[in-house]
């Protein structure tokens, strides 16, 4: 077998694929697409057992978070930082700029529904060639120079939107703008939640740092007392080494807390749109934060659709994709354009240029035209069919994205409830442990006064009690952050009831679908 007769396996696969595609194309064109072929919207997932096991209290329908939910923590510093971030955060500004662009595109799409009206004024100076076409027809025109003027005060063109193509494009553009507005609200929610988390982490770390400094001092005292007892022969070297290790651990923890606080300050500065100095020493002064736990609305699974900005944006994008399917179908059908123009026209030789105005502004110079046009696509080589399938695929992707967002929203609510329940239980347990530690410390002090304990043991008990309080402070931060997570999962005060009451789009049920299917069945598109 010669080299020229060997067929490459890849070329065979490609040729086979083309043959299969060519055989399947006519069959696909004859098969109408129904609504069942499109991706379907999910119903709100069941959450009753999750809510019941969370132990969270339910309230009336008005139990959703307020628009400025972070103010419920009653922290003036947090309020100031959030307000500054909403004003100057660069990511939020970029999202707002994107929304402005989407709103401007609405004007462009809406212009297709109205006639285009223009006014034209032109002046032309030209010379006929001595051996040109005009001279061959009329030898007296050879080498003649002329001046011409055209004035069209009215020129209009209008596409009659019989099948709603332009209207669908406008609705799709409006839907994209509304989706962008929802994404802007989602960015605001993510920003305010991020600021709140960073602030609470810094707040708790600062409170822990205060305890860590006290603990370090106590560990230093324990180490000094242990060394004194060792030097007087009252204790072994082991106790001294243990005290030294405990003191060094306390010193390292204090240094780690200082660095962690700086990280939270830097994060808050960036979120506020400022440099690192903006939040420096933000947590130096003693402050207080009121723990707040949002209640669960009674209609949580259903009304979650109206209170999550990301869900609203995903649904609007699906609606916009459905409108673009309608526009792609309308491209199969005939369109009618109407062009109307009226104006004045005059032409004179260059030697008679002064008479041009008199000829132009004369009733005899009036010209007009009315041109109705019909455009009927007959065979486009599959271009229209391909464009329609692209829009259908984008619609399916948008619906699947909505379903994925809905499941993620339900999961986030469930995770936030579980985390809040865990944080509250651990904090309450640690509070009882701290109470027991305080009782042990008081007993140790009583025994010290009675001569039954030495001072080193009381100082050690005090340090151990503060260690327990240190852990309690961390669990307090977990409670605050878990509350923020729940606020964010519930939508953070966002509300859009328009899509909550409207039916979901069904792009294959519009009245032009049977007509388009008939056109495709005979090879159109």
Protein backbone atom coordinates (compact mmCIF):
# COMPACT_ATOMS: atom_id res chain seq x y z
CA UNK A 1 0.00 0.00 0.00
CA UNK A 2 1.41 3.38 -0.96
CA UNK A 3 1.60 6.30 1.39
CA UNK A 4 -0.91 8.28 -0.68
CA UNK A 5 -3.64 5.69 -0.15
CA UNK A 6 -3.45 5.68 3.67
CA UNK A 7 -6.37 7.61 5.22
CA UNK A 8 -5.69 9.40 8.49
CA UNK A 9 -8.02 8.19 11.30
CA UNK A 10 -8.75 11.76 12.37
CA UNK A 11 -9.82 12.78 8.83
CA UNK A 12 -12.14 9.78 8.74
CA UNK A 13 -13.73 10.80 12.05
CA UNK A 14 -14.21 14.37 10.84
CA UNK A 15 -15.75 13.21 7.56
CA UNK A 16 -18.04 10.84 9.42
CA UNK A 17 -19.14 13.61 11.77
CA UNK A 18 -19.97 15.86 8.82
CA UNK A 19 -21.98 13.07 7.19
CA UNK A 20 -23.95 12.47 10.37
CA UNK A 21 -24.55 16.19 10.82
CA UNK A 22 -25.73 16.52 7.22
CA UNK A 23 -28.12 13.62 7.64
CA UNK A 24 -29.46 14.87 10.95
CA UNK A 25 -29.95 18.51 9.92
CA UNK A 26 -33.07 18.00 7.78
CA UNK A 27 -34.60 15.83 10.50
CA UNK A 28 -33.86 18.42 13.16
CA UNK A 29 -35.37 21.16 11.03
CA UNK A 30 -38.62 19.22 10.78
CA UNK A 31 -38.92 18.61 14.51
CA UNK A 32 -40.79 21.42 16.33
CA UNK A 33 -39.45 22.52 19.69
CA UNK A 34 -41.88 22.45 22.63
CA UNK A 35 -41.72 24.05 26.05
CA UNK A 36 -40.86 20.65 27.51
CA UNK A 37 -37.61 20.72 25.53
CA UNK A 38 -36.48 23.83 27.40
CA UNK A 39 -34.87 23.88 30.82
CA UNK A 40 -37.52 24.07 33.56
CA UNK A 41 -37.59 26.35 36.60
CA UNK A 42 -37.33 24.66 39.98
CA UNK A 43 -39.84 25.25 42.72
CA UNK A 44 -38.54 26.54 46.09
CA UNK A 45 -36.90 23.58 47.87
CA UNK A 46 -38.41 22.11 51.03
CA UNK A 47 -36.84 23.51 54.21
CA UNK A 48 -39.42 22.87 56.94
CA UNK A 49 -37.39 20.16 58.72
CA UNK A 50 -34.20 22.24 58.47
CA UNK A 51 -35.91 25.27 59.95
CA UNK A 52 -37.54 23.23 62.72
CA UNK A 53 -34.24 21.63 63.73
CA UNK A 54 -32.45 24.99 63.78
CA UNK A 55 -34.37 26.16 66.83
CA UNK A 56 -34.66 29.66 65.31
CA UNK A 57 -37.81 31.55 66.14
CA UNK A 58 -40.26 32.35 63.37
CA UNK A 59 -42.15 35.61 63.11
CA UNK A 60 -44.72 37.13 60.78
CA UNK A 61 -44.17 37.98 57.12
CA UNK A 62 -42.50 41.24 58.20
CA UNK A 63 -39.63 39.36 59.81
CA UNK A 64 -37.21 39.88 56.93
CA UNK A 65 -34.09 41.98 57.56
CA UNK A 66 -34.34 45.73 57.10
CA UNK A 67 -32.43 47.46 54.32
CA UNK A 68 -29.80 48.73 56.79
CA UNK A 69 -29.68 45.55 58.82
CA UNK A 70 -26.16 46.23 60.20
CA UNK A 71 -27.51 49.13 62.31
CA UNK A 72 -29.29 46.60 64.54
CA UNK A 73 -25.88 45.84 66.14
CA UNK A 74 -25.85 49.42 67.52
CA UNK A 75 -22.24 50.15 66.69
CA UNK A 76 -21.50 53.71 65.57
CA UNK A 77 -18.11 52.65 64.18
CA UNK A 78 -19.66 49.86 62.10
CA UNK A 79 -22.34 52.24 60.78
CA UNK A 80 -19.69 54.76 59.73
CA UNK A 81 -17.51 52.16 58.02
CA UNK A 82 -20.42 50.65 56.09
CA UNK A 83 -21.63 54.08 54.96
CA UNK A 84 -18.12 54.94 53.78
CA UNK A 85 -17.76 51.63 51.95
CA UNK A 86 -21.10 52.04 50.17
CA UNK A 87 -19.94 55.46 48.99
CA UNK A 88 -16.32 54.84 47.98
CA UNK A 89 -15.76 51.10 47.46
CA UNK A 90 -14.20 50.69 44.02
CA UNK A 91 -15.80 47.33 43.18
CA UNK A 92 -19.22 48.73 44.00
CA UNK A 93 -18.55 51.80 41.88
CA UNK A 94 -17.57 49.57 38.97
CA UNK A 95 -20.82 47.62 39.32
CA UNK A 96 -22.75 50.91 39.36
CA UNK A 97 -20.97 51.99 36.18
CA UNK A 98 -21.95 48.72 34.54
CA UNK A 99 -25.58 49.40 35.47
CA UNK A 100 -25.37 52.84 33.86
CA UNK A 101 -24.12 51.20 30.67
CA UNK A 102 -26.98 48.68 30.72
CA UNK A 103 -29.52 51.48 31.18
CA UNK A 104 -28.03 53.40 28.26
CA UNK A 105 -28.36 50.33 26.01
CA UNK A 106 -32.13 50.44 26.67
CA UNK A 107 -32.31 53.74 24.76
CA UNK A 108 -30.51 52.16 21.81
CA UNK A 109 -32.85 49.16 21.74
CA UNK A 110 -35.95 51.32 22.20
CA UNK A 111 -35.02 53.48 19.21
CA UNK A 112 -35.85 50.57 16.88
CA UNK A 113 -39.53 50.94 17.74
CA UNK A 114 -39.72 54.53 16.47
CA UNK A 115 -39.11 56.08 13.04
CA UNK A 116 -35.68 57.49 12.30
CA UNK A 117 -36.11 61.12 11.20
CA UNK A 118 -33.19 63.06 9.74
CA UNK A 119 -32.45 66.31 7.93
CA UNK A 120 -29.83 66.47 5.16
CA UNK A 121 -28.16 69.48 3.56
CA UNK A 122 -25.40 68.98 0.99
CA UNK A 123 -23.48 71.04 -1.57
CA UNK A 124 -21.60 69.49 -4.45
CA UNK A 125 -19.10 70.96 -6.94
CA UNK A 126 -18.10 68.71 -9.85
CA UNK A 127 -16.75 68.67 -13.43
CA UNK A 128 -17.66 66.36 -16.28
CA UNK A 129 -14.77 64.58 -17.98
CA UNK A 130 -14.20 65.55 -21.58
CA UNK A 131 -14.30 61.94 -22.68
CA UNK A 132 -16.43 60.55 -19.86
CA UNK A 133 -19.80 58.81 -19.87
CA UNK A 134 -21.78 62.06 -19.63
CA UNK A 135 -19.83 63.57 -22.58
CA UNK A 136 -20.45 60.50 -24.70
CA UNK A 137 -24.18 60.89 -24.18
CA UNK A 138 -24.17 64.67 -24.52
CA UNK A 139 -21.02 66.22 -26.04
CA UNK A 140 -22.01 69.65 -24.69
CA UNK A 141 -21.39 68.34 -21.15
CA UNK A 142 -17.70 67.68 -21.87
CA UNK A 143 -15.50 69.68 -19.50
CA UNK A 144 -18.51 71.47 -18.01
CA UNK A 145 -18.32 72.45 -14.32
CA UNK A 146 -21.49 72.41 -12.21
CA UNK A 147 -22.69 73.24 -8.72
CA UNK A 148 -25.52 71.35 -7.03
CA UNK A 149 -27.35 71.70 -3.73
CA UNK A 150 -29.64 69.26 -1.91
CA UNK A 151 -31.90 70.07 1.03
CA UNK A 152 -33.98 67.33 2.60
CA UNK A 153 -35.73 68.73 5.68
CA UNK A 154 -37.51 65.41 6.22
CA UNK A 155 -36.12 61.93 5.80
CA UNK A 156 -37.75 59.12 7.77
CA UNK A 157 -37.31 55.36 7.94
CA UNK A 158 -39.40 53.00 10.00
CA UNK A 159 -39.37 49.23 10.36
CA UNK A 160 -42.91 48.04 11.09
CA UNK A 161 -42.49 45.59 13.94
CA UNK A 162 -45.28 43.17 12.98
CA UNK A 163 -43.84 40.15 14.80
CA UNK A 164 -42.54 41.91 17.90
CA UNK A 165 -38.85 41.36 17.10
CA UNK A 166 -37.74 44.84 18.07
CA UNK A 167 -40.03 44.86 21.08
CA UNK A 168 -38.53 41.56 22.23
CA UNK A 169 -35.04 42.99 21.85
CA UNK A 170 -36.08 45.99 23.95
CA UNK A 171 -37.62 43.76 26.63
CA UNK A 172 -34.47 41.64 26.66
CA UNK A 173 -32.36 44.77 27.13
CA UNK A 174 -34.62 45.97 29.93
CA UNK A 175 -34.36 42.55 31.57
CA UNK A 176 -30.57 42.68 31.39
CA UNK A 177 -30.60 46.12 33.00
CA UNK A 178 -32.86 44.92 35.81
CA UNK A 179 -30.61 41.88 36.25
CA UNK A 180 -27.63 44.22 36.46
CA UNK A 181 -29.47 46.24 39.11
CA UNK A 182 -29.99 43.00 41.04
CA UNK A 183 -26.30 42.20 40.75
CA UNK A 184 -25.50 45.68 42.03
CA UNK A 185 -27.69 44.97 45.07
CA UNK A 186 -25.91 41.64 45.47
CA UNK A 187 -22.57 43.46 45.42
CA UNK A 188 -23.88 45.85 48.08
CA UNK A 189 -25.00 42.92 50.20
CA UNK A 190 -21.66 41.13 49.85
CA UNK A 191 -19.85 44.39 50.65
CA UNK A 192 -21.87 45.22 53.78
CA UNK A 193 -21.61 41.64 55.01
CA UNK A 194 -17.86 41.61 54.34
CA UNK A 195 -17.40 44.89 56.20
CA UNK A 196 -19.44 43.60 59.13
CA UNK A 197 -17.45 40.37 59.34
CA UNK A 198 -14.12 42.19 59.18
CA UNK A 199 -15.27 44.67 61.83
CA UNK A 200 -16.53 41.97 64.20
CA UNK A 201 -13.35 39.95 63.76
CA UNK A 202 -11.26 43.01 64.58
CA UNK A 203 -13.55 43.91 67.49
CA UNK A 204 -13.28 40.45 69.03
CA UNK A 205 -9.54 40.23 68.39
CA UNK A 206 -9.08 43.57 70.17
CA UNK A 207 -11.05 42.31 73.16
CA UNK A 208 -9.00 39.11 73.14
CA UNK A 209 -5.82 41.18 72.96
CA UNK A 210 -6.80 42.97 76.16
CA UNK A 211 -7.20 39.59 77.85
CA UNK A 212 -3.99 38.27 76.28
CA UNK A 213 -2.00 41.14 77.80
CA UNK A 214 -3.43 40.34 81.24
CA UNK A 215 -2.72 36.64 80.72
CA UNK A 216 0.87 37.38 79.64
CA UNK A 217 1.41 39.40 82.81
CA UNK A 218 -0.03 36.62 84.95
CA UNK A 219 2.11 33.99 83.15
CA UNK A 220 5.12 36.21 83.81
CA UNK A 221 4.23 36.33 87.51
CA UNK A 222 3.78 32.54 87.62
CA UNK A 223 7.19 32.06 86.03
CA UNK A 224 8.80 34.42 88.56
CA UNK A 225 7.13 32.68 91.52
CA UNK A 226 8.16 29.26 90.15
CA UNK A 227 11.78 30.36 89.84
CA UNK A 228 11.71 31.73 93.39
CA UNK A 229 10.30 28.45 94.73
CA UNK A 230 12.93 26.51 92.77
CA UNK A 231 15.75 28.66 94.11
CA UNK A 232 14.51 28.17 97.68
CA UNK A 233 14.21 24.40 97.13
CA UNK A 234 10.43 24.32 97.41
CA UNK A 235 9.84 23.12 93.84
CA UNK A 236 11.49 21.26 90.97
CA UNK A 237 12.96 22.60 87.75
CA UNK A 238 10.08 21.00 85.81
CA UNK A 239 7.58 23.50 87.18
CA UNK A 240 9.90 26.35 86.16
CA UNK A 241 10.17 25.03 82.59
CA UNK A 242 6.39 24.61 82.36
CA UNK A 243 5.89 28.18 83.54
CA UNK A 244 8.43 29.48 81.01
CA UNK A 245 6.74 27.62 78.15
CA UNK A 246 3.35 28.99 79.21
CA UNK A 247 4.74 32.53 79.33
CA UNK A 248 6.33 32.27 75.85
CA UNK A 249 3.08 30.87 74.43
CA UNK A 250 1.23 33.85 75.89
CA UNK A 251 3.77 36.25 74.35
CA UNK A 252 3.43 34.61 70.91
CA UNK A 253 -0.37 34.69 71.13
CA UNK A 254 -0.26 38.39 71.94
CA UNK A 255 1.93 39.05 68.88
CA UNK A 256 -0.37 36.99 66.65
CA UNK A 257 -3.39 38.96 67.83
CA UNK A 258 -1.69 42.28 67.05
CA UNK A 259 -0.91 41.08 63.52
CA UNK A 260 -4.45 39.71 63.04
CA UNK A 261 -5.97 43.03 64.12
CA UNK A 262 -3.77 44.85 61.59
CA UNK A 263 -5.02 42.51 58.86
CA UNK A 264 -8.64 43.31 59.69
CA UNK A 265 -7.86 47.04 59.75
CA UNK A 266 -6.20 46.77 56.34
CA UNK A 267 -9.19 44.86 54.95
CA UNK A 268 -11.61 47.49 56.25
CA UNK A 269 -9.49 50.27 54.74
CA UNK A 270 -9.61 48.61 51.33
CA UNK A 271 -13.34 47.99 51.57
CA UNK A 272 -13.82 51.68 52.39
CA UNK A 273 -11.83 52.64 49.31
CA UNK A 274 -9.00 54.10 51.38
CA UNK A 275 -5.34 53.40 52.13
CA UNK A 276 -4.16 51.32 55.13
CA UNK A 277 -3.97 54.34 57.46
CA UNK A 278 -7.74 54.95 57.30
CA UNK A 279 -8.57 52.20 59.81
CA UNK A 280 -5.39 52.24 61.86
CA UNK A 281 -6.05 51.94 65.62
CA UNK A 282 -9.76 51.53 64.86
CA UNK A 283 -10.15 49.00 67.69
CA UNK A 284 -7.87 50.70 70.22
CA UNK A 285 -10.71 52.21 72.27
CA UNK A 286 -13.11 50.03 74.19
CA UNK A 287 -16.41 49.65 72.37
CA UNK A 288 -19.52 47.54 72.67
CA UNK A 289 -21.58 45.63 70.14
CA UNK A 290 -25.10 44.34 70.71
CA UNK A 291 -25.53 40.70 69.60
CA UNK A 292 -28.57 40.42 67.30
CA UNK A 293 -30.04 37.26 65.80
CA UNK A 294 -32.49 37.69 62.89
CA UNK A 295 -35.73 35.80 63.19
CA UNK A 296 -36.96 33.52 60.42
CA UNK A 297 -39.99 34.60 58.37
CA UNK A 298 -42.82 32.12 58.28
CA UNK A 299 -42.83 31.89 54.46
CA UNK A 300 -39.08 31.51 54.18
CA UNK A 301 -38.71 28.97 51.32
CA UNK A 302 -41.23 30.68 49.00
CA UNK A 303 -40.50 34.35 49.63
CA UNK A 304 -36.76 33.74 49.49
CA UNK A 305 -37.23 34.28 45.73
CA UNK A 306 -38.19 37.91 46.32
CA UNK A 307 -35.58 38.66 49.00
CA UNK A 308 -32.39 37.44 47.32
CA UNK A 309 -30.87 39.89 44.83
CA UNK A 310 -28.83 37.16 43.13
CA UNK A 311 -32.01 35.14 42.54
CA UNK A 312 -33.76 38.20 41.13
CA UNK A 313 -30.85 38.86 38.78
CA UNK A 314 -30.73 35.23 37.63
CA UNK A 315 -34.46 35.20 36.89
CA UNK A 316 -34.28 38.48 34.96
CA UNK A 317 -31.48 37.08 32.82
CA UNK A 318 -33.61 34.04 32.04
CA UNK A 319 -36.51 36.33 31.08
CA UNK A 320 -34.19 38.34 28.83
CA UNK A 321 -32.98 35.13 27.19
CA UNK A 322 -36.60 34.14 26.54
CA UNK A 323 -37.21 37.47 24.78
CA UNK A 324 -34.15 36.92 22.61
CA UNK A 325 -35.60 33.56 21.55
CA UNK A 326 -38.69 35.42 20.34
CA UNK A 327 -36.53 37.90 18.41
CA UNK A 328 -34.59 35.02 16.80
CA UNK A 329 -37.88 33.42 15.72
CA UNK A 330 -39.16 36.70 14.27
CA UNK A 331 -36.09 36.81 12.02
CA UNK A 332 -37.63 33.89 10.03
CA UNK A 333 -40.67 36.02 9.13
CA UNK A 334 -41.03 38.86 6.61
CA UNK A 335 -40.26 42.41 7.68
CA UNK A 336 -41.51 45.65 6.13
CA UNK A 337 -39.49 48.87 6.00
CA UNK A 338 -41.03 52.20 5.08
CA UNK A 339 -38.75 55.02 3.89
CA UNK A 340 -40.08 58.53 3.21
CA UNK A 341 -38.10 61.58 2.16
CA UNK A 342 -38.99 65.02 0.81
CA UNK A 343 -36.81 67.97 -0.06
CA UNK A 344 -35.36 70.33 -2.64
CA UNK A 345 -32.78 69.83 -5.34
CA UNK A 346 -31.12 72.23 -7.83
CA UNK A 347 -28.10 72.20 -10.15
CA UNK A 348 -26.46 74.97 -12.24
CA UNK A 349 -23.22 75.49 -14.14
CA UNK A 350 -20.42 77.18 -12.26
CA UNK A 351 -20.85 80.39 -14.24
CA UNK A 352 -24.46 80.56 -13.03
CA UNK A 353 -23.64 79.91 -9.36
CA UNK A 354 -25.52 83.02 -8.17
CA UNK A 355 -28.76 81.55 -9.52
CA UNK A 356 -28.40 78.34 -7.47
CA UNK A 357 -30.37 79.71 -4.49
CA UNK A 358 -33.20 80.87 -6.67
CA UNK A 359 -33.46 77.48 -8.33
CA UNK A 360 -33.20 75.61 -5.00
CA UNK A 361 -35.88 77.54 -3.11
CA UNK A 362 -38.46 77.19 -5.84
CA UNK A 363 -41.62 75.05 -5.91
CA UNK A 364 -40.29 73.31 -8.97
CA UNK A 365 -37.24 72.10 -7.05
CA UNK A 366 -39.28 69.87 -4.74
CA UNK A 367 -38.53 66.15 -4.78
CA UNK A 368 -39.95 63.33 -2.69
CA UNK A 369 -39.89 59.58 -2.45
CA UNK A 370 -41.85 56.92 -0.58
CA UNK A 371 -40.30 53.47 -0.58
CA UNK A 372 -42.01 50.56 1.15
CA UNK A 373 -39.74 47.52 1.26
CA UNK A 374 -40.41 43.87 1.99
CA UNK A 375 -37.67 41.57 3.26
CA UNK A 376 -38.42 37.85 3.22
CA UNK A 377 -35.64 35.41 4.16
CA UNK A 378 -35.99 32.25 2.08
CA UNK A 379 -32.76 30.34 2.37
CA UNK A 380 -29.95 31.44 4.69
CA UNK A 381 -27.86 28.29 4.77
CA UNK A 382 -28.85 27.51 8.37
CA UNK A 383 -27.81 30.92 9.72
CA UNK A 384 -31.21 31.77 11.23
CA UNK A 385 -31.70 28.24 12.59
CA UNK A 386 -28.27 28.36 14.17
CA UNK A 387 -28.95 31.77 15.72
CA UNK A 388 -32.23 30.48 17.17
CA UNK A 389 -30.56 27.43 18.67
CA UNK A 390 -27.87 29.65 20.19
CA UNK A 391 -30.55 31.72 21.94
CA UNK A 392 -32.33 28.57 23.11
CA UNK A 393 -29.09 27.24 24.55
CA UNK A 394 -28.45 30.56 26.31
CA UNK A 395 -31.96 30.43 27.76
CA UNK A 396 -31.40 26.90 29.07
CA UNK A 397 -28.12 28.02 30.63
CA UNK A 398 -29.86 30.99 32.26
CA UNK A 399 -32.60 28.77 33.72
CA UNK A 400 -30.05 26.26 34.98
CA UNK A 401 -28.10 29.15 36.54
CA UNK A 402 -31.28 30.30 38.27
CA UNK A 403 -31.93 26.79 39.61
CA UNK A 404 -28.33 26.54 40.81
CA UNK A 405 -28.62 29.94 42.51
CA UNK A 406 -31.88 28.88 44.17
CA UNK A 407 -30.31 25.72 45.59
CA UNK A 408 -27.26 27.68 46.72
CA UNK A 409 -29.53 30.22 48.45
CA UNK A 410 -31.38 27.46 50.31
CA UNK A 411 -28.08 25.85 51.29
CA UNK A 412 -26.68 29.16 52.55
CA UNK A 413 -29.73 29.70 54.72
CA UNK A 414 -29.46 26.15 56.08
CA UNK A 415 -25.71 26.51 56.69
CA UNK A 416 -26.19 29.86 58.40
CA UNK A 417 -28.89 28.42 60.67
CA UNK A 418 -26.72 25.42 61.60
CA UNK A 419 -23.68 27.63 62.21
CA UNK A 420 -25.69 30.07 64.34
CA UNK A 421 -27.14 27.22 66.40
CA UNK A 422 -23.65 25.78 66.90
CA UNK A 423 -22.15 29.16 67.84
CA UNK A 424 -24.89 29.92 70.35
CA UNK A 425 -24.62 26.48 71.97
CA UNK A 426 -20.82 26.67 72.23
CA UNK A 427 -20.94 30.20 73.63
CA UNK A 428 -23.52 29.24 76.27
CA UNK A 429 -21.47 26.17 77.20
CA UNK A 430 -18.30 28.23 77.49
CA UNK A 431 -20.16 30.84 79.56
CA UNK A 432 -21.07 28.11 82.05
CA UNK A 433 -17.45 26.92 82.02
CA UNK A 434 -16.20 30.47 82.73
CA UNK A 435 -18.68 30.74 85.57
CA UNK A 436 -17.29 27.52 87.05
CA UNK A 437 -13.73 28.81 86.61
CA UNK A 438 -14.60 32.03 88.43
CA UNK A 439 -16.02 29.99 91.30
CA UNK A 440 -12.79 27.96 91.48
CA UNK A 441 -10.77 31.18 91.53
CA UNK A 442 -12.81 32.56 94.42
CA UNK A 443 -12.30 29.33 96.36
CA UNK A 444 -8.56 29.50 95.67
CA UNK A 445 -8.45 33.05 97.05
CA UNK A 446 -10.35 31.95 100.14
CA UNK A 447 -7.85 29.11 100.67
CA UNK A 448 -5.00 31.58 100.14
CA UNK A 449 -6.36 33.78 102.93
CA UNK A 450 -6.69 30.69 105.12
CA UNK A 451 -3.10 29.71 104.40
CA UNK A 452 -4.07 26.55 102.52
CA UNK A 453 -2.74 27.68 99.10
CA UNK A 454 0.26 29.69 97.96
CA UNK A 455 0.11 32.80 95.75
CA UNK A 456 1.50 31.00 92.69
CA UNK A 457 -1.48 28.65 92.58
CA UNK A 458 -3.95 31.55 92.82
CA UNK A 459 -2.19 33.41 90.01
CA UNK A 460 -2.26 30.21 87.92
CA UNK A 461 -5.99 29.82 88.59
CA UNK A 462 -6.54 33.44 87.53
CA UNK A 463 -4.62 32.90 84.28
CA UNK A 464 -6.57 29.72 83.55
CA UNK A 465 -9.83 31.56 84.16
CA UNK A 466 -8.80 34.34 81.75
CA UNK A 467 -7.88 31.68 79.17
CA UNK A 468 -11.47 30.46 79.42
CA UNK A 469 -12.75 34.02 78.98
CA UNK A 470 -10.42 34.38 76.00
CA UNK A 471 -12.09 31.39 74.34
CA UNK A 472 -15.51 32.82 75.24
CA UNK A 473 -14.62 36.05 73.43
CA UNK A 474 -13.77 34.05 70.31
CA UNK A 475 -17.10 32.24 70.50
CA UNK A 476 -18.82 35.61 70.88
CA UNK A 477 -17.24 36.59 67.56
CA UNK A 478 -18.52 33.35 66.04
CA UNK A 479 -22.03 34.30 67.13
CA UNK A 480 -21.77 37.76 65.59
CA UNK A 481 -20.38 36.45 62.29
CA UNK A 482 -22.98 33.68 62.18
CA UNK A 483 -25.67 36.35 62.54
CA UNK A 484 -24.12 38.29 59.64
CA UNK A 485 -24.12 35.10 57.55
CA UNK A 486 -27.84 34.65 58.22
CA UNK A 487 -28.58 38.28 57.36
CA UNK A 488 -26.77 37.81 54.06
CA UNK A 489 -28.46 34.47 53.33
CA UNK A 490 -31.87 36.12 53.85
CA UNK A 491 -31.09 38.81 51.28
CA UNK A 492 -30.06 41.65 53.56
CA UNK A 493 -33.19 43.76 53.18
CA UNK A 494 -33.56 43.41 49.40
CA UNK A 495 -37.12 42.97 48.11
CA UNK A 496 -38.45 42.61 44.57
CA UNK A 497 -42.02 41.33 44.46
CA UNK A 498 -42.48 41.94 40.73
CA UNK A 499 -41.03 38.60 39.63
CA UNK A 500 -42.37 36.88 42.73
CA UNK A 501 -45.95 37.26 41.47
CA UNK A 502 -45.28 36.98 37.73
CA UNK A 503 -45.29 33.62 35.90
CA UNK A 504 -41.98 32.24 34.74
CA UNK A 505 -41.18 32.71 31.02
CA UNK A 506 -42.23 30.01 28.57
CA UNK A 507 -40.52 30.96 25.27
CA UNK A 508 -41.88 28.07 23.21
CA UNK A 509 -45.54 28.95 23.82
CA UNK A 510 -45.61 32.25 21.93
CA UNK A 511 -48.01 32.44 18.93
CA UNK A 512 -45.33 32.69 16.23
CA UNK A 513 -43.69 29.39 17.18
CA UNK A 514 -45.94 27.23 14.91
CA UNK A 515 -45.29 29.58 11.99
CA UNK A 516 -41.55 29.43 12.49
CA UNK A 517 -41.65 25.65 12.81
CA UNK A 518 -43.52 25.48 9.50
CA UNK A 519 -40.94 27.73 7.82
CA UNK A 520 -38.11 25.60 9.15
CA UNK A 521 -39.82 22.38 8.02
CA UNK A 522 -39.66 23.52 4.39
CA UNK A 523 -36.00 24.43 4.61
CA UNK A 524 -36.27 28.08 5.59
CA UNK A 525 -33.57 29.65 7.69
